[in-house]
Amino acid sequence: MALRTAAPSRSAALAASLSLACWHRPTPTPVSPVAVVPFDAYGGAIYVPAVINGDSAWLMLDTGLSRTGLDLDWARHAGIVPGPQSGEPDAPAASTAVVTTIRLGELALVHYRVALYPLTGLSEASGRLQVGLVGHDVLQHYAVEIDYRQRRVRLFDPLAYRYAGTGATVPFSADADLPLLRAQLEVRGRRPIPARLLLDTGASGLCLILTTPFAAQHGLGRVAPAIEAPIGTGLVGDLHGTIVRLQELRLGGVKVRSPTTGLGGEYKGFLARTDIDGVIGNSVFEGSRLIVDYVGRRAIVEPGPGDGSLCDFDMSGLRLAARGPGLAHIVVARAHRGRLCHPGEPERGGGDRRGRRAAADRRTRGRRGKPERRSEGPSRRRCDAPARAATRRGHDPGRAEAETTAIAEVRGGWGG
């Protein structure tokens, strides 16, 4: 008897086909970070907890700093002795030291050479003891994810890191080691200005600070309104210049409208540099997730800050500084007159002529049947009218002049 195998039914064949069609490769396992570190966003900067030779401290995360370093005085009190490491007779002695261990979460730096910086000026300007900074020499070995909303920094193995999100990608400039980003600056009435901006999470407050040569080259000193004031504090002390609002900053797919911008006014510190055009501050990315992929040579921002960016200028006219032991005495180190308003926004203290007249018409129309004429006074100037600027600089009556004076002292420290 011949035996014959029955053909599979159509339904069985269809089921097998569907089963094969639905099969996928296993989902890749998410890459685990090398270290996860919470941070404190004090004063707009990023401070991460660290343990240095067994002592707890807060270090500023600074992508714009070439070399990780500690405050010279703090290092001395912690028993960290400046000098070359054994077997390195040619190493610089006065400005560096070898630290036995620096721990950042799960990351441990063992026998690590650091720079020794005089950070007293930064401490006084911020009102917080500056123990040290984590710089490019450490961060460049990782893909660094800074989540501003969750206040968390994660470090990933750069070779294993894969980004699959929809954030805006900004490539690094090909001719730089540090994260130098190509941007475009919009100034009202001009063509876009290309700029090379150093990504600097150690810069807080202003969106941008542009170098003195770059500002002079592009005639940015004519931007109005403007306020003469300190635009930052660095390792070389206070940096002076002018604060303005540009029309827009474009960084890849990220756009920031009316960014507060410091224009260098002296050839001091990084303001004198010509290899970069300026720095883009930490506060541009507040509320976002910023990824600095050093191996991939790119920065990724998700979601873009847009109009929600918190980088703004303190319009109180006051600049506080801490002095004395423990930074316990707070002084008003500088006061300036004037207000830096948004382009197109009228000044405070009055009304635009047509708006004032319309308001007067509405108040009187119902009582007499027709508007009565009222004295209007001077019209309110608008911030985007350079010839009628709202603030004063130098002897121009339309701009605001900065003054350097200690006008008050408050005892008890920042919390007092």
Protein backbone atom coordinates (compact mmCIF):
# COMPACT_ATOMS: atom_id res chain seq x y z
CA MET A 1 0.00 0.00 0.00
CA ALA A 2 1.38 3.25 -0.99
CA LEU A 3 1.36 5.98 1.65
CA ARG A 4 0.99 9.62 0.76
CA THR A 5 1.58 12.54 3.03
CA ALA A 6 -1.31 14.94 3.03
CA ALA A 7 -0.55 18.55 1.99
CA PRO A 8 -0.93 21.09 4.78
CA SER A 9 -4.17 22.96 4.84
CA ARG A 10 -4.31 26.56 3.63
CA SER A 11 -5.06 27.79 7.13
CA ALA A 12 -1.96 26.10 8.54
CA ALA A 13 0.25 27.58 5.81
CA LEU A 14 -1.18 31.05 6.42
CA ALA A 15 -0.51 30.78 10.15
CA ALA A 16 3.10 29.77 9.52
CA SER A 17 3.59 32.69 7.14
CA LEU A 18 2.20 35.17 9.65
CA SER A 19 4.39 33.70 12.37
CA LEU A 20 7.54 34.20 10.27
CA ALA A 21 6.47 37.71 9.24
CA CYS A 22 6.08 38.80 12.86
CA TRP A 23 9.49 37.54 13.95
CA HIS A 24 12.04 40.25 14.68
CA ARG A 25 15.59 40.29 15.86
CA PRO A 26 15.95 40.67 19.59
CA THR A 27 15.65 44.28 20.80
CA PRO A 28 19.12 45.66 21.61
CA THR A 29 19.75 45.95 25.32
CA PRO A 30 19.99 49.63 26.35
CA VAL A 31 23.53 50.69 27.13
CA SER A 32 24.08 51.18 30.84
CA PRO A 33 25.90 54.35 31.87
CA VAL A 34 29.37 54.18 33.35
CA ALA A 35 28.30 56.63 36.03
CA VAL A 36 25.13 58.45 37.10
CA VAL A 37 25.59 61.64 39.11
CA PRO A 38 22.89 64.01 40.39
CA PHE A 39 23.67 67.70 40.20
CA ASP A 40 22.81 70.95 41.90
CA ALA A 41 21.94 73.77 39.48
CA TYR A 42 23.14 76.56 41.74
CA GLY A 43 23.29 79.95 40.05
CA GLY A 44 22.70 78.38 36.67
CA ALA A 45 25.88 76.29 36.82
CA ILE A 46 26.15 72.50 37.23
CA TYR A 47 27.66 71.20 40.48
CA VAL A 48 28.23 67.47 40.89
CA PRO A 49 29.05 65.73 44.20
CA ALA A 50 32.55 64.28 44.40
CA VAL A 51 34.81 62.59 46.92
CA ILE A 52 38.42 63.77 46.73
CA ASN A 53 40.91 61.73 48.77
CA GLY A 54 38.04 60.85 51.12
CA ASP A 55 36.75 64.45 51.46
CA SER A 56 33.30 65.32 50.08
CA ALA A 57 33.07 68.35 47.79
CA TRP A 58 31.03 69.85 44.97
CA LEU A 59 32.75 70.33 41.61
CA MET A 60 31.51 72.43 38.72
CA LEU A 61 30.98 70.55 35.44
CA ASP A 62 32.73 72.72 32.85
CA THR A 63 32.85 71.58 29.22
CA GLY A 64 34.73 74.75 28.28
CA LEU A 65 37.69 74.12 30.60
CA SER A 66 40.64 72.25 29.15
CA ARG A 67 41.94 70.71 32.38
CA THR A 68 40.21 69.51 35.54
CA GLY A 69 41.42 71.45 38.54
CA LEU A 70 41.04 72.27 42.23
CA ASP A 71 41.18 75.51 44.17
CA LEU A 72 44.76 76.12 45.27
CA ASP A 73 43.87 77.05 48.85
CA TRP A 74 41.40 74.18 49.30
CA ALA A 75 43.96 71.69 47.97
CA ARG A 76 46.55 72.97 50.40
CA HIS A 77 44.20 72.53 53.37
CA ALA A 78 43.27 69.04 52.12
CA GLY A 79 46.92 68.03 52.12
CA ILE A 80 47.25 67.93 48.33
CA VAL A 81 50.81 69.03 47.63
CA PRO A 82 51.75 70.76 44.36
CA GLY A 83 54.59 69.14 42.49
CA PRO A 84 55.54 66.59 39.83
CA GLN A 85 54.54 62.98 40.13
CA SER A 86 57.30 60.50 40.93
CA GLY A 87 59.04 59.55 37.70
CA GLU A 88 57.93 62.77 35.96
CA PRO A 89 60.81 65.19 36.60
CA ASP A 90 59.73 67.48 33.76
CA ALA A 91 56.14 67.89 34.95
CA PRO A 92 55.17 71.43 36.05
CA ALA A 93 55.46 71.77 39.82
CA ALA A 94 53.72 74.96 40.87
CA SER A 95 50.39 74.66 39.02
CA THR A 96 49.53 70.95 39.22
CA ALA A 97 49.24 68.14 41.72
CA VAL A 98 48.44 64.45 41.72
CA VAL A 99 45.27 63.45 43.57
CA THR A 100 45.07 59.90 44.90
CA THR A 101 41.38 59.45 44.05
CA ILE A 102 38.52 61.53 42.68
CA ARG A 103 35.15 59.80 42.68
CA LEU A 104 32.16 60.99 40.66
CA GLY A 105 29.39 58.53 41.35
CA GLU A 106 30.63 55.17 40.10
CA LEU A 107 33.54 56.75 38.22
CA ALA A 108 36.94 56.75 39.97
CA LEU A 109 39.97 58.72 38.80
CA VAL A 110 43.05 57.21 40.43
CA HIS A 111 46.37 59.05 40.78
CA TYR A 112 44.98 61.79 38.61
CA ARG A 113 46.91 64.95 37.82
CA VAL A 114 44.88 68.14 38.22
CA ALA A 115 45.58 71.82 37.73
CA LEU A 116 45.56 74.14 40.75
CA TYR A 117 43.60 77.32 40.16
CA PRO A 118 43.05 80.44 42.30
CA LEU A 119 39.25 80.26 42.55
CA THR A 120 38.64 82.94 45.19
CA GLY A 121 37.24 85.38 42.63
CA LEU A 122 34.78 82.80 41.34
CA SER A 123 33.71 81.98 44.89
CA GLU A 124 33.05 85.64 45.70
CA ALA A 125 31.14 86.24 42.46
CA SER A 126 28.93 83.16 42.88
CA GLY A 127 28.52 83.24 46.66
CA ARG A 128 29.49 79.59 46.84
CA LEU A 129 32.84 78.03 47.71
CA GLN A 130 34.41 76.84 44.47
CA VAL A 131 36.40 73.70 45.31
CA GLY A 132 37.16 72.70 41.73
CA LEU A 133 36.01 72.00 38.21
CA VAL A 134 35.62 68.89 36.05
CA GLY A 135 36.93 69.74 32.59
CA HIS A 136 37.42 68.48 29.08
CA ASP A 137 40.29 66.13 29.95
CA VAL A 138 37.84 63.92 31.89
CA LEU A 139 34.65 64.45 29.90
CA GLN A 140 36.17 63.77 26.47
CA HIS A 141 36.38 60.05 27.26
CA TYR A 142 32.58 59.70 27.54
CA ALA A 143 29.29 60.52 25.92
CA VAL A 144 27.94 63.00 28.47
CA GLU A 145 24.18 63.30 28.94
CA ILE A 146 22.97 66.29 30.98
CA ASP A 147 19.29 66.13 31.87
CA TYR A 148 18.39 69.60 33.16
CA ARG A 149 14.86 68.71 34.16
CA GLN A 150 15.83 65.64 36.19
CA ARG A 151 19.04 67.30 37.43
CA ARG A 152 21.17 64.32 36.46
CA VAL A 153 24.40 63.69 34.56
CA ARG A 154 25.07 60.30 32.96
CA LEU A 155 28.39 59.21 31.48
CA PHE A 156 28.36 56.51 28.79
CA ASP A 157 31.03 54.43 27.09
CA PRO A 158 31.39 56.45 23.85
CA LEU A 159 32.03 53.41 21.66
CA ALA A 160 28.87 51.66 22.82
CA TYR A 161 26.65 54.76 22.95
CA ARG A 162 23.90 54.99 20.33
CA TYR A 163 21.45 57.86 20.12
CA ALA A 164 18.01 57.06 18.71
CA GLY A 165 16.01 60.15 19.67
CA THR A 166 14.73 63.09 17.66
CA GLY A 167 16.85 65.85 19.15
CA ALA A 168 18.58 68.56 17.15
CA THR A 169 22.15 67.57 16.26
CA VAL A 170 24.95 70.14 16.04
CA PRO A 171 28.32 68.82 14.80
CA PHE A 172 31.58 69.99 16.35
CA SER A 173 33.83 72.17 14.28
CA ALA A 174 36.38 69.94 12.52
CA ASP A 175 39.36 72.10 13.47
CA ALA A 176 38.91 72.08 17.25
CA ASP A 177 39.54 69.67 20.10
CA LEU A 178 37.04 71.20 22.52
CA PRO A 179 33.30 71.16 21.65
CA LEU A 180 33.29 74.14 19.29
CA LEU A 181 29.88 74.55 17.63
CA ARG A 182 29.01 76.44 14.48
CA ALA A 183 26.15 78.85 14.93
CA GLN A 184 24.53 81.80 13.22
CA LEU A 185 23.72 85.09 14.90
CA GLU A 186 20.82 87.21 13.70
CA VAL A 187 21.12 90.98 14.16
CA ARG A 188 18.21 93.13 13.08
CA GLY A 189 18.76 94.65 9.66
CA ARG A 190 21.85 92.55 8.84
CA ARG A 191 22.72 89.28 7.19
CA PRO A 192 23.27 86.26 9.49
CA ILE A 193 26.73 86.22 11.06
CA PRO A 194 28.47 82.82 11.32
CA ALA A 195 30.13 82.22 14.68
CA ARG A 196 32.25 79.48 16.30
CA LEU A 197 30.93 79.10 19.83
CA LEU A 198 32.56 77.01 22.52
CA LEU A 199 30.01 74.89 24.40
CA ASP A 200 30.71 76.02 27.96
CA THR A 201 28.56 74.60 30.76
CA GLY A 202 30.67 76.63 33.17
CA ALA A 203 29.16 79.85 31.81
CA SER A 204 25.82 80.77 33.36
CA GLY A 205 23.46 83.72 33.15
CA LEU A 206 23.92 85.10 29.64
CA CYS A 207 23.12 83.07 26.54
CA LEU A 208 26.29 84.08 24.77
CA ILE A 209 29.53 85.91 25.42
CA LEU A 210 31.34 87.03 22.28
CA THR A 211 35.05 87.81 22.18
CA THR A 212 36.32 91.35 21.80
CA PRO A 213 37.93 90.79 18.36
CA PHE A 214 34.76 89.16 17.00
CA ALA A 215 32.48 91.92 18.32
CA ALA A 216 34.75 94.58 16.83
CA GLN A 217 35.06 92.80 13.48
CA HIS A 218 31.28 92.70 13.02
CA GLY A 219 30.50 96.11 14.45
CA LEU A 220 28.34 94.70 17.23
CA GLY A 221 29.14 97.71 19.41
CA ARG A 222 26.46 99.56 17.43
CA VAL A 223 23.70 97.19 18.60
CA ALA A 224 21.23 99.02 20.85
CA PRO A 225 19.90 99.16 23.49
CA ALA A 226 22.98 98.22 25.48
CA ILE A 227 24.21 98.20 29.06
CA GLU A 228 27.85 98.49 30.12
CA ALA A 229 28.43 95.99 32.92
CA PRO A 230 30.53 92.99 33.92
CA ILE A 231 29.66 90.13 31.57
CA GLY A 232 31.21 87.35 33.62
CA THR A 233 33.89 86.26 36.05
CA GLY A 234 36.69 83.93 34.99
CA LEU A 235 39.98 82.65 36.31
CA VAL A 236 41.48 86.06 35.43
CA GLY A 237 38.80 87.99 37.38
CA ASP A 238 35.86 90.11 36.26
CA LEU A 239 35.34 90.44 32.52
CA HIS A 240 33.87 93.73 31.34
CA GLY A 241 31.91 94.60 28.25
CA THR A 242 28.43 95.38 27.03
CA ILE A 243 25.19 93.44 27.34
CA VAL A 244 22.75 93.47 24.42
CA ARG A 245 19.99 91.36 22.95
CA LEU A 246 20.53 89.94 19.48
CA GLN A 247 17.54 89.06 17.34
CA GLU A 248 18.13 85.30 17.26
CA LEU A 249 20.68 82.55 17.86
CA ARG A 250 20.57 79.57 15.50
CA LEU A 251 22.39 76.43 16.54
CA GLY A 252 21.57 73.67 14.09
CA GLY A 253 17.84 73.08 14.53
CA VAL A 254 17.79 75.02 17.82
CA LYS A 255 16.62 78.63 17.74
CA VAL A 256 16.75 81.04 20.67
CA ARG A 257 14.99 84.36 20.18
CA SER A 258 16.28 87.58 21.72
CA PRO A 259 19.33 85.96 23.37
CA THR A 260 21.05 88.07 25.99
CA THR A 261 24.60 88.49 24.78
CA GLY A 262 27.77 89.82 26.36
CA LEU A 263 30.10 91.68 23.99
CA GLY A 264 33.73 91.66 25.07
CA GLY A 265 35.02 95.13 25.88
CA GLU A 266 38.61 94.32 26.82
CA TYR A 267 41.43 92.04 25.73
CA LYS A 268 41.52 89.92 28.86
CA GLY A 269 41.20 86.19 29.42
CA PHE A 270 39.22 84.34 26.76
CA LEU A 271 37.77 87.67 25.54
CA ALA A 272 41.06 88.21 23.69
CA ARG A 273 40.99 84.87 21.85
CA THR A 274 40.74 84.61 18.09
CA ASP A 275 40.51 80.80 17.76
CA ILE A 276 36.92 80.99 19.00
CA ASP A 277 34.29 83.69 18.51
CA GLY A 278 32.63 83.25 21.89
CA VAL A 279 31.00 80.83 24.29
CA ILE A 280 27.44 79.54 24.47
CA GLY A 281 26.30 79.45 28.07
CA ASN A 282 24.88 76.66 30.13
CA SER A 283 21.55 78.46 30.57
CA VAL A 284 20.66 78.14 26.86
CA PHE A 285 19.93 74.47 27.48
CA GLU A 286 18.00 74.82 30.74
CA GLY A 287 14.89 72.64 30.58
CA SER A 288 16.39 70.41 27.88
CA ARG A 289 18.44 67.26 27.66
CA LEU A 290 21.90 67.99 26.30
CA ILE A 291 24.16 65.21 25.02
CA VAL A 292 27.81 65.94 24.33
CA ASP A 293 29.09 63.05 22.23
CA TYR A 294 32.84 63.61 22.09
CA VAL A 295 33.69 60.56 19.99
CA GLY A 296 30.83 61.27 17.59
CA ARG A 297 31.92 64.97 17.64
CA ARG A 298 28.42 66.31 18.04
CA ALA A 299 26.06 67.89 20.53
CA ILE A 300 22.41 66.85 20.67
CA VAL A 301 19.64 68.95 22.24
CA GLU A 302 16.18 67.53 23.00
CA PRO A 303 13.79 69.17 23.04
CA GLY A 304 15.12 72.49 21.77
CA PRO A 305 14.82 75.29 24.35
CA GLY A 306 13.02 77.65 21.97
CA ASP A 307 11.14 80.43 23.73
CA GLY A 308 11.33 78.51 27.02
CA SER A 309 15.04 79.25 27.45
CA LEU A 310 15.79 80.74 30.85
CA CYS A 311 18.95 82.57 29.82
CA ASP A 312 18.14 86.13 30.68
CA PHE A 313 19.68 89.20 32.22
CA ASP A 314 18.97 90.23 35.80
CA MET A 315 17.19 93.56 35.37
CA SER A 316 17.36 94.53 39.06
CA GLY A 317 20.44 96.63 38.35
CA LEU A 318 22.29 95.02 41.25
CA ARG A 319 25.27 92.67 41.29
CA LEU A 320 25.99 90.87 44.55
CA ALA A 321 29.32 89.51 45.69
CA ALA A 322 30.40 87.58 48.79
CA ARG A 323 33.35 88.67 50.88
CA GLY A 324 35.24 87.62 53.96
CA PRO A 325 35.73 84.32 55.80
CA GLY A 326 33.13 81.76 54.83
CA LEU A 327 31.76 84.23 52.23
CA ALA A 328 29.59 85.54 55.06
CA HIS A 329 29.42 89.21 54.03
CA ILE A 330 27.32 90.07 50.99
CA VAL A 331 27.90 93.39 49.28
CA VAL A 332 26.23 95.07 46.34
CA ALA A 333 29.35 95.34 44.25
CA ARG A 334 27.81 97.11 41.29
CA ALA A 335 24.64 98.92 40.34
CA HIS A 336 23.70 100.05 36.86
CA ARG A 337 20.87 102.11 35.47
CA GLY A 338 18.72 101.10 32.56
CA ARG A 339 16.71 98.13 31.41
CA LEU A 340 17.49 95.60 28.72
CA CYS A 341 14.13 94.83 27.15
CA HIS A 342 13.20 92.47 24.35
CA PRO A 343 13.33 93.72 20.75
CA GLY A 344 9.95 95.19 19.87
CA GLU A 345 8.93 95.52 23.51
CA PRO A 346 8.20 99.09 24.69
CA GLU A 347 10.00 100.45 27.73
CA ARG A 348 8.40 100.63 31.15
CA GLY A 349 7.12 103.90 32.51
CA GLY A 350 4.83 105.08 29.77
CA GLY A 351 2.91 104.09 26.71
CA ASP A 352 3.32 104.09 23.00
CA ARG A 353 1.57 107.17 21.59
CA ARG A 354 -1.16 105.38 19.67
CA GLY A 355 -1.81 103.01 22.57
CA ARG A 356 -2.08 105.87 25.07
CA ARG A 357 -4.49 107.76 22.81
CA ALA A 358 -6.63 104.65 22.26
CA ALA A 359 -6.82 104.07 26.01
CA ALA A 360 -7.88 107.69 26.58
CA ASP A 361 -10.53 107.35 23.91
CA ARG A 362 -11.97 104.25 25.58
CA ARG A 363 -12.09 105.96 28.98
CA THR A 364 -13.99 109.03 27.76
CA ARG A 365 -16.12 107.84 24.86
CA GLY A 366 -18.91 106.54 27.07
CA ARG A 367 -19.14 109.72 29.12
CA ARG A 368 -19.29 112.44 26.44
CA GLY A 369 -20.01 110.51 23.29
CA LYS A 370 -16.68 111.56 21.80
CA PRO A 371 -13.13 111.45 23.07
CA GLU A 372 -11.66 114.42 24.86
CA ARG A 373 -8.12 115.52 24.11
CA ARG A 374 -5.61 114.82 26.87
CA SER A 375 -1.98 115.70 27.37
CA GLU A 376 0.00 112.65 26.35
CA GLY A 377 3.53 113.53 27.41
CA PRO A 378 6.51 111.99 25.65
CA SER A 379 5.93 108.83 23.69
CA ARG A 380 7.51 105.62 24.89
CA ARG A 381 10.60 104.52 22.98
CA ARG A 382 10.83 101.01 21.66
CA CYS A 383 13.78 98.70 22.27
CA ASP A 384 14.23 97.85 18.61
CA ALA A 385 14.78 101.46 17.53
CA PRO A 386 18.54 102.07 17.65
CA ALA A 387 18.21 105.81 17.17
CA ARG A 388 15.85 106.03 20.14
CA ALA A 389 17.41 103.44 22.41
CA ALA A 390 16.04 102.95 25.88
CA THR A 391 19.33 102.70 27.76
CA ARG A 392 22.46 104.78 28.04
CA ARG A 393 26.14 104.09 27.37
CA GLY A 394 28.92 106.66 27.60
CA HIS A 395 27.57 110.15 26.92
CA ASP A 396 24.72 109.04 24.68
CA PRO A 397 21.52 110.08 26.54
CA GLY A 398 19.70 107.08 25.04
CA ARG A 399 21.74 104.40 26.85
CA ALA A 400 22.40 103.21 30.38
CA GLU A 401 25.76 103.71 32.02
CA ALA A 402 27.21 101.21 34.47
CA GLU A 403 28.58 102.33 37.81
CA THR A 404 31.03 100.52 40.05
CA THR A 405 30.23 101.13 43.67
CA ALA A 406 29.67 99.13 46.83
CA ILE A 407 26.43 100.60 48.10
CA ALA A 408 25.31 98.13 50.74
CA GLU A 409 26.44 95.26 52.91
CA VAL A 410 24.38 92.40 54.25
CA ARG A 411 25.79 90.26 57.03
CA GLY A 412 25.10 86.56 57.50
CA GLY A 413 25.83 85.12 54.06
CA TRP A 414 23.46 84.27 51.22
CA GLY A 415 21.08 82.48 53.49
CA GLY A 416 21.23 85.08 56.26
